[in-house]
Amino acid sequence: MFKWLTATAAVTLIAPLALLLLLAATVPIASQASTALPGSPSISALDDIPPTYLALYQAAARTCAGLPWNVLAGIGKVESDHGRSTAPGVHSGANYAGAEVISGS
């Protein structure tokens, strides 16, 4: 009976482990250092974001690891409607918080 229990225990432990190893071998491993920007612009993003601003958001995201371009675009949408707002500080002057456009930058 002891041999039967040992064999049963071995099969009970080894079978799931073998299945796990088989599944792990078929799952692709993601690269740890991808230079690709996460996500392509959606149709609605392409419709809303001016091409110049989209290029600026994507270029800026490349300079800061972990900050996706779409987060910058979200900030740009809220703060200035991607540069289309006529609020003070967007194209000239300063806003209530002191943010302003400086010529030449």
PDB file of N, CA and C in Angstrom:
ATOM      1  N   MET A   1       0.815  -1.189   0.000  1.00  0.00           N
ATOM      2  CA  MET A   1       0.000   0.000   0.000  1.00  0.00           C
ATOM      3  C   MET A   1       0.857   1.250   0.000  1.00  0.00           C
ATOM      4  N   PHE A   2       1.980   1.216   0.677  1.00  0.00           N
ATOM      5  CA  PHE A   2       2.874   2.361   0.721  1.00  0.00           C
ATOM      6  C   PHE A   2       3.357   2.722  -0.681  1.00  0.00           C
ATOM      7  N   LYS A   3       3.687   1.726  -1.512  1.00  0.00           N
ATOM      8  CA  LYS A   3       4.138   1.979  -2.881  1.00  0.00           C
ATOM      9  C   LYS A   3       3.038   2.641  -3.697  1.00  0.00           C
ATOM     10  N   TRP A   4       1.804   2.214  -3.488  1.00  0.00           N
ATOM     11  CA  TRP A   4       0.684   2.780  -4.224  1.00  0.00           C
ATOM     12  C   TRP A   4       0.485   4.250  -3.849  1.00  0.00           C
ATOM     13  N   LEU A   5       0.598   4.581  -2.557  1.00  0.00           N
ATOM     14  CA  LEU A   5       0.471   5.962  -2.104  1.00  0.00           C
ATOM     15  C   LEU A   5       1.606   6.828  -2.651  1.00  0.00           C
ATOM     16  N   THR A   6       2.808   6.292  -2.682  1.00  0.00           N
ATOM     17  CA  THR A   6       3.951   7.033  -3.201  1.00  0.00           C
ATOM     18  C   THR A   6       3.770   7.330  -4.688  1.00  0.00           C
ATOM     19  N   ALA A   7       3.321   6.337  -5.442  1.00  0.00           N
ATOM     20  CA  ALA A   7       3.101   6.523  -6.874  1.00  0.00           C
ATOM     21  C   ALA A   7       1.973   7.526  -7.118  1.00  0.00           C
ATOM     22  N   THR A   8       0.916   7.434  -6.346  1.00  0.00           N
ATOM     23  CA  THR A   8      -0.204   8.357  -6.496  1.00  0.00           C
ATOM     24  C   THR A   8       0.214   9.782  -6.160  1.00  0.00           C
ATOM     25  N   ALA A   9       0.987   9.937  -5.099  1.00  0.00           N
ATOM     26  CA  ALA A   9       1.461  11.267  -4.706  1.00  0.00           C
ATOM     27  C   ALA A   9       2.376  11.848  -5.774  1.00  0.00           C
ATOM     28  N   ALA A  10       3.236  11.013  -6.343  1.00  0.00           N
ATOM     29  CA  ALA A  10       4.149  11.479  -7.384  1.00  0.00           C
ATOM     30  C   ALA A  10       3.375  11.958  -8.607  1.00  0.00           C
ATOM     31  N   VAL A  11       2.379  11.195  -9.036  1.00  0.00           N
ATOM     32  CA  VAL A  11       1.573  11.583 -10.188  1.00  0.00           C
ATOM     33  C   VAL A  11       0.775  12.845  -9.874  1.00  0.00           C
ATOM     34  N   THR A  12       0.249  12.935  -8.661  1.00  0.00           N
ATOM     35  CA  THR A  12      -0.544  14.098  -8.259  1.00  0.00           C
ATOM     36  C   THR A  12       0.299  15.366  -8.257  1.00  0.00           C
ATOM     37  N   LEU A  13       1.558  15.268  -7.898  1.00  0.00           N
ATOM     38  CA  LEU A  13       2.431  16.440  -7.868  1.00  0.00           C
ATOM     39  C   LEU A  13       3.079  16.721  -9.222  1.00  0.00           C
ATOM     40  N   ILE A  14       3.489  15.708  -9.935  1.00  0.00           N
ATOM     41  CA  ILE A  14       4.237  15.879 -11.170  1.00  0.00           C
ATOM     42  C   ILE A  14       3.341  16.283 -12.335  1.00  0.00           C
ATOM     43  N   ALA A  15       2.145  15.740 -12.432  1.00  0.00           N
ATOM     44  CA  ALA A  15       1.262  16.040 -13.569  1.00  0.00           C
ATOM     45  C   ALA A  15       0.932  17.536 -13.659  1.00  0.00           C
ATOM     46  N   PRO A  16       0.502  18.177 -12.569  1.00  0.00           N
ATOM     47  CA  PRO A  16       0.227  19.617 -12.675  1.00  0.00           C
ATOM     48  C   PRO A  16       1.488  20.433 -12.969  1.00  0.00           C
ATOM     49  N   LEU A  17       2.611  20.012 -12.408  1.00  0.00           N
ATOM     50  CA  LEU A  17       3.865  20.715 -12.653  1.00  0.00           C
ATOM     51  C   LEU A  17       4.262  20.599 -14.126  1.00  0.00           C
ATOM     52  N   ALA A  18       4.122  19.430 -14.697  1.00  0.00           N
ATOM     53  CA  ALA A  18       4.438  19.226 -16.114  1.00  0.00           C
ATOM     54  C   ALA A  18       3.507  20.063 -16.990  1.00  0.00           C
ATOM     55  N   LEU A  19       2.241  20.124 -16.639  1.00  0.00           N
ATOM     56  CA  LEU A  19       1.288  20.928 -17.391  1.00  0.00           C
ATOM     57  C   LEU A  19       1.642  22.412 -17.301  1.00  0.00           C
ATOM     58  N   LEU A  20       2.026  22.860 -16.141  1.00  0.00           N
ATOM     59  CA  LEU A  20       2.426  24.248 -15.944  1.00  0.00           C
ATOM     60  C   LEU A  20       3.663  24.587 -16.776  1.00  0.00           C
ATOM     61  N   LEU A  21       4.641  23.692 -16.790  1.00  0.00           N
ATOM     62  CA  LEU A  21       5.847  23.913 -17.587  1.00  0.00           C
ATOM     63  C   LEU A  21       5.528  23.926 -19.078  1.00  0.00           C
ATOM     64  N   LEU A  22       4.623  23.072 -19.508  1.00  0.00           N
ATOM     65  CA  LEU A  22       4.220  23.032 -20.906  1.00  0.00           C
ATOM     66  C   LEU A  22       3.537  24.336 -21.306  1.00  0.00           C
ATOM     67  N   LEU A  23       2.641  24.833 -20.462  1.00  0.00           N
ATOM     68  CA  LEU A  23       1.968  26.094 -20.746  1.00  0.00           C
ATOM     69  C   LEU A  23       2.945  27.262 -20.737  1.00  0.00           C
ATOM     70  N   ALA A  24       3.866  27.268 -19.808  1.00  0.00           N
ATOM     71  CA  ALA A  24       4.850  28.347 -19.731  1.00  0.00           C
ATOM     72  C   ALA A  24       5.731  28.384 -20.966  1.00  0.00           C
ATOM     73  N   ALA A  25       6.010  27.242 -21.538  1.00  0.00           N
ATOM     74  CA  ALA A  25       6.856  27.191 -22.727  1.00  0.00           C
ATOM     75  C   ALA A  25       6.152  27.750 -23.956  1.00  0.00           C
ATOM     76  N   THR A  26       4.826  27.772 -23.949  1.00  0.00           N
ATOM     77  CA  THR A  26       4.092  28.256 -25.121  1.00  0.00           C
ATOM     78  C   THR A  26       3.716  29.729 -25.024  1.00  0.00           C
ATOM     79  N   VAL A  27       3.892  30.362 -23.864  1.00  0.00           N
ATOM     80  CA  VAL A  27       3.552  31.768 -23.689  1.00  0.00           C
ATOM     81  C   VAL A  27       4.745  32.621 -24.085  1.00  0.00           C
ATOM     82  N   PRO A  28       4.576  33.585 -25.003  1.00  0.00           N
ATOM     83  CA  PRO A  28       5.697  34.422 -25.399  1.00  0.00           C
ATOM     84  C   PRO A  28       6.145  35.322 -24.253  1.00  0.00           C
ATOM     85  N   ILE A  29       7.421  35.544 -24.181  1.00  0.00           N
ATOM     86  CA  ILE A  29       7.991  36.399 -23.147  1.00  0.00           C
ATOM     87  C   ILE A  29       8.092  37.810 -23.711  1.00  0.00           C
ATOM     88  N   ALA A  30       7.532  38.778 -22.997  1.00  0.00           N
ATOM     89  CA  ALA A  30       7.593  40.167 -23.448  1.00  0.00           C
ATOM     90  C   ALA A  30       8.986  40.716 -23.205  1.00  0.00           C
ATOM     91  N   SER A  31       9.443  41.558 -24.115  1.00  0.00           N
ATOM     92  CA  SER A  31      10.759  42.165 -23.924  1.00  0.00           C
ATOM     93  C   SER A  31      10.698  43.123 -22.752  1.00  0.00           C
ATOM     94  N   GLN A  32      11.781  43.211 -22.022  1.00  0.00           N
ATOM     95  CA  GLN A  32      11.796  44.060 -20.843  1.00  0.00           C
ATOM     96  C   GLN A  32      12.048  45.518 -21.199  1.00  0.00           C
ATOM     97  N   ALA A  33      12.686  45.772 -22.328  1.00  0.00           N
ATOM     98  CA  ALA A  33      13.028  47.138 -22.692  1.00  0.00           C
ATOM     99  C   ALA A  33      12.503  47.459 -24.084  1.00  0.00           C
ATOM    100  N   SER A  34      11.229  47.640 -24.184  1.00  0.00           N
ATOM    101  CA  SER A  34      10.627  47.960 -25.467  1.00  0.00           C
ATOM    102  C   SER A  34      10.735  49.452 -25.724  1.00  0.00           C
ATOM    103  N   THR A  35      11.113  49.812 -26.939  1.00  0.00           N
ATOM    104  CA  THR A  35      11.200  51.222 -27.288  1.00  0.00           C
ATOM    105  C   THR A  35       9.930  51.703 -27.973  1.00  0.00           C
ATOM    106  N   ALA A  36       9.011  50.802 -28.248  1.00  0.00           N
ATOM    107  CA  ALA A  36       7.763  51.185 -28.908  1.00  0.00           C
ATOM    108  C   ALA A  36       6.880  51.942 -27.934  1.00  0.00           C
ATOM    109  N   LEU A  37       6.188  52.930 -28.457  1.00  0.00           N
ATOM    110  CA  LEU A  37       5.254  53.667 -27.621  1.00  0.00           C
ATOM    111  C   LEU A  37       3.987  52.858 -27.470  1.00  0.00           C
ATOM    112  N   PRO A  38       3.425  52.848 -26.261  1.00  0.00           N
ATOM    113  CA  PRO A  38       2.225  52.050 -26.058  1.00  0.00           C
ATOM    114  C   PRO A  38       1.028  52.612 -26.814  1.00  0.00           C
ATOM    115  N   GLY A  39       0.395  51.767 -27.574  1.00  0.00           N
ATOM    116  CA  GLY A  39      -0.845  52.124 -28.227  1.00  0.00           C
ATOM    117  C   GLY A  39      -0.710  53.066 -29.399  1.00  0.00           C
ATOM    118  N   SER A  40      -1.395  52.730 -30.441  1.00  0.00           N
ATOM    119  CA  SER A  40      -1.501  53.618 -31.584  1.00  0.00           C
ATOM    120  C   SER A  40      -2.691  54.539 -31.359  1.00  0.00           C
ATOM    121  N   PRO A  41      -2.666  55.717 -31.956  1.00  0.00           N
ATOM    122  CA  PRO A  41      -3.803  56.623 -31.780  1.00  0.00           C
ATOM    123  C   PRO A  41      -5.088  56.016 -32.333  1.00  0.00           C
ATOM    124  N   SER A  42      -6.143  56.152 -31.590  1.00  0.00           N
ATOM    125  CA  SER A  42      -7.452  55.677 -32.049  1.00  0.00           C
ATOM    126  C   SER A  42      -7.983  56.619 -33.120  1.00  0.00           C
ATOM    127  N   ILE A  43      -9.045  56.213 -33.769  1.00  0.00           N
ATOM    128  CA  ILE A  43      -9.677  57.054 -34.776  1.00  0.00           C
ATOM    129  C   ILE A  43     -10.134  58.369 -34.147  1.00  0.00           C
ATOM    130  N   SER A  44     -10.720  58.296 -32.951  1.00  0.00           N
ATOM    131  CA  SER A  44     -11.197  59.526 -32.304  1.00  0.00           C
ATOM    132  C   SER A  44     -10.028  60.431 -31.911  1.00  0.00           C
ATOM    133  N   ALA A  45      -8.884  59.838 -31.508  1.00  0.00           N
ATOM    134  CA  ALA A  45      -7.709  60.654 -31.188  1.00  0.00           C
ATOM    135  C   ALA A  45      -7.195  61.341 -32.448  1.00  0.00           C
ATOM    136  N   LEU A  46      -7.138  60.596 -33.559  1.00  0.00           N
ATOM    137  CA  LEU A  46      -6.685  61.188 -34.818  1.00  0.00           C
ATOM    138  C   LEU A  46      -7.623  62.302 -35.288  1.00  0.00           C
ATOM    139  N   ASP A  47      -8.913  62.151 -35.005  1.00  0.00           N
ATOM    140  CA  ASP A  47      -9.881  63.180 -35.371  1.00  0.00           C
ATOM    141  C   ASP A  47      -9.760  64.422 -34.488  1.00  0.00           C
ATOM    142  N   ASP A  48      -9.361  64.241 -33.226  1.00  0.00           N
ATOM    143  CA  ASP A  48      -9.354  65.343 -32.261  1.00  0.00           C
ATOM    144  C   ASP A  48      -8.002  66.040 -32.130  1.00  0.00           C
ATOM    145  N   ILE A  49      -6.917  65.307 -32.207  1.00  0.00           N
ATOM    146  CA  ILE A  49      -5.601  65.880 -31.948  1.00  0.00           C
ATOM    147  C   ILE A  49      -4.990  66.378 -33.255  1.00  0.00           C
ATOM    148  N   PRO A  50      -4.636  67.663 -33.329  1.00  0.00           N
ATOM    149  CA  PRO A  50      -3.963  68.158 -34.530  1.00  0.00           C
ATOM    150  C   PRO A  50      -2.658  67.376 -34.757  1.00  0.00           C
ATOM    151  N   PRO A  51      -2.329  67.077 -36.002  1.00  0.00           N
ATOM    152  CA  PRO A  51      -1.133  66.269 -36.289  1.00  0.00           C
ATOM    153  C   PRO A  51       0.155  66.814 -35.660  1.00  0.00           C
ATOM    154  N   THR A  52       0.299  68.123 -35.624  1.00  0.00           N
ATOM    155  CA  THR A  52       1.495  68.723 -35.017  1.00  0.00           C
ATOM    156  C   THR A  52       1.562  68.391 -33.534  1.00  0.00           C
ATOM    157  N   TYR A  53       0.432  68.491 -32.861  1.00  0.00           N
ATOM    158  CA  TYR A  53       0.403  68.200 -31.429  1.00  0.00           C
ATOM    159  C   TYR A  53       0.616  66.708 -31.170  1.00  0.00           C
ATOM    160  N   LEU A  54       0.030  65.855 -31.993  1.00  0.00           N
ATOM    161  CA  LEU A  54       0.232  64.413 -31.840  1.00  0.00           C
ATOM    162  C   LEU A  54       1.714  64.090 -31.938  1.00  0.00           C
ATOM    163  N   ALA A  55       2.388  64.660 -32.923  1.00  0.00           N
ATOM    164  CA  ALA A  55       3.828  64.430 -33.077  1.00  0.00           C
ATOM    165  C   ALA A  55       4.600  64.933 -31.856  1.00  0.00           C
ATOM    166  N   LEU A  56       4.196  66.085 -31.323  1.00  0.00           N
ATOM    167  CA  LEU A  56       4.856  66.622 -30.124  1.00  0.00           C
ATOM    168  C   LEU A  56       4.649  65.715 -28.914  1.00  0.00           C
ATOM    169  N   TYR A  57       3.427  65.237 -28.715  1.00  0.00           N
ATOM    170  CA  TYR A  57       3.147  64.338 -27.585  1.00  0.00           C
ATOM    171  C   TYR A  57       3.980  63.059 -27.702  1.00  0.00           C
ATOM    172  N   GLN A  58       4.035  62.487 -28.896  1.00  0.00           N
ATOM    173  CA  GLN A  58       4.777  61.239 -29.088  1.00  0.00           C
ATOM    174  C   GLN A  58       6.280  61.461 -28.909  1.00  0.00           C
ATOM    175  N   ALA A  59       6.806  62.561 -29.405  1.00  0.00           N
ATOM    176  CA  ALA A  59       8.232  62.855 -29.249  1.00  0.00           C
ATOM    177  C   ALA A  59       8.576  63.092 -27.780  1.00  0.00           C
ATOM    178  N   ALA A  60       7.718  63.806 -27.068  1.00  0.00           N
ATOM    179  CA  ALA A  60       7.965  64.068 -25.649  1.00  0.00           C
ATOM    180  C   ALA A  60       7.928  62.778 -24.834  1.00  0.00           C
ATOM    181  N   ALA A  61       7.029  61.866 -25.183  1.00  0.00           N
ATOM    182  CA  ALA A  61       6.923  60.603 -24.452  1.00  0.00           C
ATOM    183  C   ALA A  61       8.189  59.757 -24.613  1.00  0.00           C
ATOM    184  N   ARG A  62       8.855  59.873 -25.751  1.00  0.00           N
ATOM    185  CA  ARG A  62      10.097  59.115 -25.966  1.00  0.00           C
ATOM    186  C   ARG A  62      11.210  59.571 -25.035  1.00  0.00           C
ATOM    187  N   THR A  63      11.108  60.779 -24.518  1.00  0.00           N
ATOM    188  CA  THR A  63      12.163  61.312 -23.651  1.00  0.00           C
ATOM    189  C   THR A  63      11.944  60.973 -22.182  1.00  0.00           C
ATOM    190  N   CYS A  64      10.795  60.399 -21.856  1.00  0.00           N
ATOM    191  CA  CYS A  64      10.483  60.110 -20.456  1.00  0.00           C
ATOM    192  C   CYS A  64       9.899  58.703 -20.341  1.00  0.00           C
ATOM    193  N   ALA A  65      10.736  57.763 -19.980  1.00  0.00           N
ATOM    194  CA  ALA A  65      10.294  56.369 -19.847  1.00  0.00           C
ATOM    195  C   ALA A  65       9.144  56.266 -18.849  1.00  0.00           C
ATOM    196  N   GLY A  66       8.125  55.535 -19.230  1.00  0.00           N
ATOM    197  CA  GLY A  66       6.992  55.311 -18.342  1.00  0.00           C
ATOM    198  C   GLY A  66       5.888  56.343 -18.462  1.00  0.00           C
ATOM    199  N   LEU A  67       6.087  57.362 -19.312  1.00  0.00           N
ATOM    200  CA  LEU A  67       5.053  58.367 -19.514  1.00  0.00           C
ATOM    201  C   LEU A  67       4.532  58.232 -20.935  1.00  0.00           C
ATOM    202  N   PRO A  68       3.401  57.565 -21.129  1.00  0.00           N
ATOM    203  CA  PRO A  68       2.873  57.347 -22.476  1.00  0.00           C
ATOM    204  C   PRO A  68       2.406  58.643 -23.129  1.00  0.00           C
ATOM    205  N   TRP A  69       2.472  58.676 -24.449  1.00  0.00           N
ATOM    206  CA  TRP A  69       2.053  59.866 -25.192  1.00  0.00           C
ATOM    207  C   TRP A  69       0.592  60.199 -24.938  1.00  0.00           C
ATOM    208  N   ASN A  70      -0.243  59.153 -24.737  1.00  0.00           N
ATOM    209  CA  ASN A  70      -1.670  59.417 -24.562  1.00  0.00           C
ATOM    210  C   ASN A  70      -1.977  60.098 -23.228  1.00  0.00           C
ATOM    211  N   VAL A  71      -1.108  59.955 -22.242  1.00  0.00           N
ATOM    212  CA  VAL A  71      -1.280  60.694 -20.987  1.00  0.00           C
ATOM    213  C   VAL A  71      -0.996  62.177 -21.245  1.00  0.00           C
ATOM    214  N   LEU A  72       0.078  62.441 -21.999  1.00  0.00           N
ATOM    215  CA  LEU A  72       0.381  63.828 -22.357  1.00  0.00           C
ATOM    216  C   LEU A  72      -0.756  64.436 -23.181  1.00  0.00           C
ATOM    217  N   ALA A  73      -1.312  63.655 -24.106  1.00  0.00           N
ATOM    218  CA  ALA A  73      -2.417  64.142 -24.919  1.00  0.00           C
ATOM    219  C   ALA A  73      -3.638  64.439 -24.051  1.00  0.00           C
ATOM    220  N   GLY A  74      -3.886  63.625 -23.045  1.00  0.00           N
ATOM    221  CA  GLY A  74      -4.999  63.878 -22.123  1.00  0.00           C
ATOM    222  C   GLY A  74      -4.818  65.183 -21.372  1.00  0.00           C
ATOM    223  N   ILE A  75      -3.596  65.435 -20.940  1.00  0.00           N
ATOM    224  CA  ILE A  75      -3.306  66.700 -20.257  1.00  0.00           C
ATOM    225  C   ILE A  75      -3.483  67.862 -21.227  1.00  0.00           C
ATOM    226  N   GLY A  76      -2.966  67.684 -22.453  1.00  0.00           N
ATOM    227  CA  GLY A  76      -3.098  68.725 -23.462  1.00  0.00           C
ATOM    228  C   GLY A  76      -4.548  69.025 -23.793  1.00  0.00           C
ATOM    229  N   LYS A  77      -5.383  68.005 -23.798  1.00  0.00           N
ATOM    230  CA  LYS A  77      -6.815  68.188 -24.079  1.00  0.00           C
ATOM    231  C   LYS A  77      -7.463  69.013 -22.973  1.00  0.00           C
ATOM    232  N   VAL A  78      -7.206  68.661 -21.733  1.00  0.00           N
ATOM    233  CA  VAL A  78      -7.826  69.345 -20.602  1.00  0.00           C
ATOM    234  C   VAL A  78      -7.291  70.770 -20.453  1.00  0.00           C
ATOM    235  N   GLU A  79      -5.986  70.932 -20.586  1.00  0.00           N
ATOM    236  CA  GLU A  79      -5.371  72.235 -20.334  1.00  0.00           C
ATOM    237  C   GLU A  79      -5.596  73.245 -21.455  1.00  0.00           C
ATOM    238  N   SER A  80      -5.565  72.789 -22.729  1.00  0.00           N
ATOM    239  CA  SER A  80      -5.634  73.777 -23.811  1.00  0.00           C
ATOM    240  C   SER A  80      -6.418  73.319 -25.035  1.00  0.00           C
ATOM    241  N   ASP A  81      -7.122  72.200 -24.924  1.00  0.00           N
ATOM    242  CA  ASP A  81      -7.812  71.616 -26.081  1.00  0.00           C
ATOM    243  C   ASP A  81      -6.822  71.477 -27.238  1.00  0.00           C
ATOM    244  N   HIS A  82      -5.657  70.936 -26.926  1.00  0.00           N
ATOM    245  CA  HIS A  82      -4.571  70.722 -27.900  1.00  0.00           C
ATOM    246  C   HIS A  82      -4.198  72.022 -28.618  1.00  0.00           C
ATOM    247  N   GLY A  83      -4.120  73.110 -27.848  1.00  0.00           N
ATOM    248  CA  GLY A  83      -3.696  74.388 -28.396  1.00  0.00           C
ATOM    249  C   GLY A  83      -4.791  75.194 -29.059  1.00  0.00           C
ATOM    250  N   ARG A  84      -6.019  74.703 -29.031  1.00  0.00           N
ATOM    251  CA  ARG A  84      -7.112  75.422 -29.703  1.00  0.00           C
ATOM    252  C   ARG A  84      -7.864  76.382 -28.779  1.00  0.00           C
ATOM    253  N   SER A  85      -7.612  76.321 -27.491  1.00  0.00           N
ATOM    254  CA  SER A  85      -8.319  77.178 -26.542  1.00  0.00           C
ATOM    255  C   SER A  85      -7.894  78.633 -26.728  1.00  0.00           C
ATOM    256  N   THR A  86      -8.820  79.531 -26.459  1.00  0.00           N
ATOM    257  CA  THR A  86      -8.517  80.959 -26.505  1.00  0.00           C
ATOM    258  C   THR A  86      -8.332  81.526 -25.102  1.00  0.00           C
ATOM    259  N   ALA A  87      -8.249  80.647 -24.110  1.00  0.00           N
ATOM    260  CA  ALA A  87      -8.082  81.089 -22.730  1.00  0.00           C
ATOM    261  C   ALA A  87      -6.715  81.765 -22.544  1.00  0.00           C
ATOM    262  N   PRO A  88      -6.620  82.695 -21.589  1.00  0.00           N
ATOM    263  CA  PRO A  88      -5.350  83.365 -21.327  1.00  0.00           C
ATOM    264  C   PRO A  88      -4.247  82.352 -21.020  1.00  0.00           C
ATOM    265  N   GLY A  89      -3.071  82.583 -21.574  1.00  0.00           N
ATOM    266  CA  GLY A  89      -1.924  81.721 -21.323  1.00  0.00           C
ATOM    267  C   GLY A  89      -1.720  80.636 -22.355  1.00  0.00           C
ATOM    268  N   VAL A  90      -2.731  80.367 -23.183  1.00  0.00           N
ATOM    269  CA  VAL A  90      -2.586  79.319 -24.192  1.00  0.00           C
ATOM    270  C   VAL A  90      -1.762  79.832 -25.367  1.00  0.00           C
ATOM    271  N   HIS A  91      -2.098  81.008 -25.873  1.00  0.00           N
ATOM    272  CA  HIS A  91      -1.358  81.569 -27.010  1.00  0.00           C
ATOM    273  C   HIS A  91      -0.617  82.847 -26.632  1.00  0.00           C
ATOM    274  N   SER A  92      -1.101  83.526 -25.619  1.00  0.00           N
ATOM    275  CA  SER A  92      -0.441  84.756 -25.164  1.00  0.00           C
ATOM    276  C   SER A  92      -0.904  85.055 -23.745  1.00  0.00           C
ATOM    277  N   GLY A  93      -0.175  85.910 -23.094  1.00  0.00           N
ATOM    278  CA  GLY A  93      -0.545  86.289 -21.741  1.00  0.00           C
ATOM    279  C   GLY A  93      -0.278  85.164 -20.753  1.00  0.00           C
ATOM    280  N   ALA A  94      -0.858  85.282 -19.584  1.00  0.00           N
ATOM    281  CA  ALA A  94      -0.687  84.284 -18.529  1.00  0.00           C
ATOM    282  C   ALA A  94      -2.050  83.890 -17.993  1.00  0.00           C
ATOM    283  N   ASN A  95      -2.153  82.648 -17.550  1.00  0.00           N
ATOM    284  CA  ASN A  95      -3.424  82.227 -16.962  1.00  0.00           C
ATOM    285  C   ASN A  95      -3.426  82.548 -15.470  1.00  0.00           C
ATOM    286  N   TYR A  96      -4.502  82.176 -14.772  1.00  0.00           N
ATOM    287  CA  TYR A  96      -4.643  82.506 -13.355  1.00  0.00           C
ATOM    288  C   TYR A  96      -3.530  81.899 -12.499  1.00  0.00           C
ATOM    289  N   ALA A  97      -2.912  80.808 -12.954  1.00  0.00           N
ATOM    290  CA  ALA A  97      -1.860  80.148 -12.181  1.00  0.00           C
ATOM    291  C   ALA A  97      -0.461  80.646 -12.548  1.00  0.00           C
ATOM    292  N   GLY A  98      -0.399  81.554 -13.520  1.00  0.00           N
ATOM    293  CA  GLY A  98       0.892  82.102 -13.919  1.00  0.00           C
ATOM    294  C   GLY A  98       1.531  81.407 -15.113  1.00  0.00           C
ATOM    295  N   ALA A  99       0.873  80.387 -15.656  1.00  0.00           N
ATOM    296  CA  ALA A  99       1.418  79.715 -16.842  1.00  0.00           C
ATOM    297  C   ALA A  99       1.251  80.640 -18.029  1.00  0.00           C
ATOM    298  N   GLU A 100       2.295  80.714 -18.855  1.00  0.00           N
ATOM    299  CA  GLU A 100       2.213  81.582 -20.010  1.00  0.00           C
ATOM    300  C   GLU A 100       3.130  81.095 -21.122  1.00  0.00           C
ATOM    301  N   VAL A 101       2.824  81.542 -22.330  1.00  0.00           N
ATOM    302  CA  VAL A 101       3.650  81.239 -23.478  1.00  0.00           C
ATOM    303  C   VAL A 101       4.788  82.250 -23.500  1.00  0.00           C
ATOM    304  N   ILE A 102       6.007  81.745 -23.618  1.00  0.00           N
ATOM    305  CA  ILE A 102       7.171  82.609 -23.704  1.00  0.00           C
ATOM    306  C   ILE A 102       7.689  82.555 -25.129  1.00  0.00           C
ATOM    307  N   SER A 103       7.813  83.686 -25.766  1.00  0.00           N
ATOM    308  CA  SER A 103       8.261  83.728 -27.157  1.00  0.00           C
ATOM    309  C   SER A 103       9.615  83.049 -27.300  1.00  0.00           C
ATOM    310  N   GLY A 104       9.719  82.261 -28.378  1.00  0.00           N
ATOM    311  CA  GLY A 104      10.979  81.581 -28.672  1.00  0.00           C
ATOM    312  C   GLY A 104      11.130  80.225 -28.017  1.00  0.00           C
ATOM    313  N   SER A 105      10.149  79.772 -27.226  1.00  0.00           N
ATOM    314  CA  SER A 105      10.279  78.445 -26.602  1.00  0.00           C
ATOM    315  C   SER A 105       9.240  77.498 -27.109  1.00  0.00           C
TER     316      SER A 105
END
